[in-house]
Protein backbone atom coordinates (compact mmCIF):
# COMPACT_ATOMS: atom_id res chain seq x y z
CA MET A 1 0.00 0.00 0.00
CA GLN A 2 1.45 3.32 -1.05
CA LEU A 3 0.76 6.29 1.19
CA ASP A 4 0.07 9.47 -0.74
CA LEU A 5 1.28 12.16 1.63
CA ARG A 6 -0.03 14.95 -0.59
CA HIS A 7 -3.52 13.48 -0.29
CA VAL A 8 -3.15 13.26 3.51
CA ALA A 9 -2.16 16.94 3.67
CA GLU A 10 -5.04 17.99 1.42
CA GLN A 11 -7.60 16.01 3.43
CA ASN A 12 -6.42 17.60 6.67
CA ALA A 13 -6.50 21.08 5.13
CA LYS A 14 -10.10 20.37 4.13
CA ARG A 15 -10.88 19.21 7.68
CA TYR A 16 -9.34 22.26 9.37
CA ARG A 17 -12.66 23.81 10.46
CA GLU A 18 -14.01 20.43 11.59
CA ASN A 19 -10.84 19.73 13.59
CA LEU A 20 -10.92 23.19 15.16
CA SER A 21 -14.53 22.67 16.21
CA TYR A 22 -13.66 19.26 17.70
CA LEU A 23 -10.80 20.80 19.71
CA ARG A 24 -13.03 23.53 21.12
CA GLY A 25 -15.70 21.02 22.12
CA TYR A 26 -13.17 18.64 23.62
CA GLU A 27 -11.54 21.42 25.63
CA ALA A 28 -14.90 22.63 26.91
CA ALA A 29 -15.75 19.15 28.21
CA ALA A 30 -12.23 18.09 29.21
CA ASP A 31 -11.38 16.85 32.65
CA ALA A 32 -8.07 18.24 33.88
CA ASP A 33 -7.14 14.93 35.48
CA ARG A 34 -7.73 12.87 32.35
CA PRO A 35 -4.91 12.56 29.77
CA LEU A 36 -5.53 13.88 26.27
CA SER A 37 -6.85 11.34 23.80
CA PRO A 38 -4.66 10.39 20.82
CA ARG A 39 -7.43 11.65 18.53
CA TYR A 40 -7.30 15.08 20.17
CA VAL A 41 -3.51 15.20 19.89
CA GLU A 42 -3.64 14.32 16.19
CA LYS A 43 -6.32 16.89 15.38
CA ALA A 44 -4.49 19.54 17.42
CA GLY A 45 -1.30 18.80 15.49
CA TRP A 46 -3.00 19.26 12.13
CA VAL A 47 -4.69 22.47 13.30
CA TRP A 48 -1.31 23.75 14.44
CA ALA A 49 0.27 22.78 11.10
CA VAL A 50 -2.40 24.62 9.08
CA GLU A 51 -2.12 27.69 11.28
CA ARG A 52 1.67 27.62 11.08
CA VAL A 53 1.59 27.50 7.27
CA ARG A 54 -1.00 30.29 7.17
CA ALA A 55 1.05 32.51 9.47
CA ASP A 56 4.20 31.90 7.45
CA LEU A 57 2.42 32.64 4.17
CA GLN A 58 0.75 35.74 5.62
CA ARG A 59 4.14 37.09 6.61
CA LYS A 60 5.93 36.22 3.35
CA GLU A 61 3.28 35.97 0.61
CA PRO A 62 -0.16 37.26 1.68
CA GLU A 63 -1.71 36.49 -1.71
CA LYS A 64 -0.82 32.80 -1.33
CA GLU A 65 -2.29 32.77 2.17
CA LEU A 66 -5.52 34.23 0.82
CA PHE A 67 -5.55 31.54 -1.88
CA PHE A 68 -4.95 28.81 0.75
CA ALA A 69 -7.73 30.11 2.97
CA ARG A 70 -10.22 30.40 0.12
CA LEU A 71 -9.35 27.13 -1.62
CA TYR A 72 -9.83 25.08 1.54
CA HIS A 73 -12.46 27.36 3.12
CA LEU A 74 -10.41 27.78 6.27
CA ASP A 75 -12.40 30.78 7.50
CA SER A 76 -15.91 30.01 6.29
CA PRO A 77 -18.04 26.97 5.48
CA CYS A 78 -17.81 25.63 1.97
CA PRO A 79 -20.88 25.39 -0.24
CA GLY A 80 -19.58 22.46 -2.29
CA LYS A 81 -16.57 20.25 -2.79
CA VAL A 82 -13.33 21.86 -1.71
CA GLY A 83 -10.25 22.12 -3.89
CA ARG A 84 -11.85 21.11 -7.20
CA GLY A 85 -10.68 22.39 -10.58
CA SER A 86 -13.71 24.68 -10.88
CA GLU A 87 -12.70 26.23 -7.55
CA ILE A 88 -9.22 26.90 -8.94
CA MET A 89 -10.72 28.58 -12.01
CA LYS A 90 -12.99 30.75 -9.87
CA LEU A 91 -10.10 31.79 -7.65
CA SER A 92 -7.97 32.45 -10.70
CA LEU A 93 -10.47 35.06 -11.86
CA GLU A 94 -10.89 36.54 -8.37
CA LEU A 95 -7.19 36.80 -7.62
CA ASN A 96 -6.16 37.67 -11.19
CA VAL A 97 -3.59 34.86 -11.22
CA SER A 98 -3.30 32.16 -13.88
CA PRO A 99 -4.69 28.72 -13.05
CA SER A 100 -1.29 27.10 -13.66
CA THR A 101 0.25 29.42 -11.07
CA LEU A 102 -2.49 28.52 -8.58
CA TYR A 103 -1.88 24.80 -9.14
CA LYS A 104 1.83 25.39 -8.40
CA TRP A 105 0.93 27.40 -5.31
CA ARG A 106 -1.32 24.58 -4.11
CA GLU A 107 1.48 22.04 -4.42
CA THR A 108 3.92 24.33 -2.58
CA ILE A 109 1.39 24.95 0.18
CA LEU A 110 0.69 21.23 0.59
CA ALA A 111 4.44 20.53 0.78
CA ASP A 112 4.75 23.20 3.48
CA LEU A 113 1.79 21.67 5.30
CA LEU A 114 3.42 18.23 5.23
CA LEU A 115 6.61 19.70 6.67
CA ALA A 116 4.67 21.46 9.44
CA ALA A 117 2.81 18.21 10.21
CA VAL A 118 6.13 16.40 10.56
CA GLN A 119 7.34 19.18 12.87
CA ALA A 120 4.13 18.86 14.91
CA GLY A 121 4.71 15.13 15.24
CA VAL A 122 1.41 14.05 13.66
CA LEU A 123 3.05 12.69 10.53
CA ARG A 124 5.98 10.34 10.63
CA PRO A 125 6.96 9.56 7.04
CA PHE A 126 9.75 7.17 8.08
């Protein structure tokens, strides 16, 4: 079985809002004496990784951060499927950037997200 790390990163970018909601609910109901569940730790790691990539992009390349946030609907609920080709075309018109550039940006962002996930300890590629 081959593990497609790019797919893992994309799925967790898509689940950012869901993971954030889970963390808030878990923290509200958490018992201070009980250890954190592995599921909580994994979701927290992915949330941290997404936020780390966003902060880094915001500081260096704000237009890429805006693209990342809109493509994966990090700030608002999505009306349809996230990250589809039609979404890229729509964002291309909105941001006035060619679709091929946006596809390259997406791959760079996902690579950065994988690196952040490794740093957070939620992804161990080896």
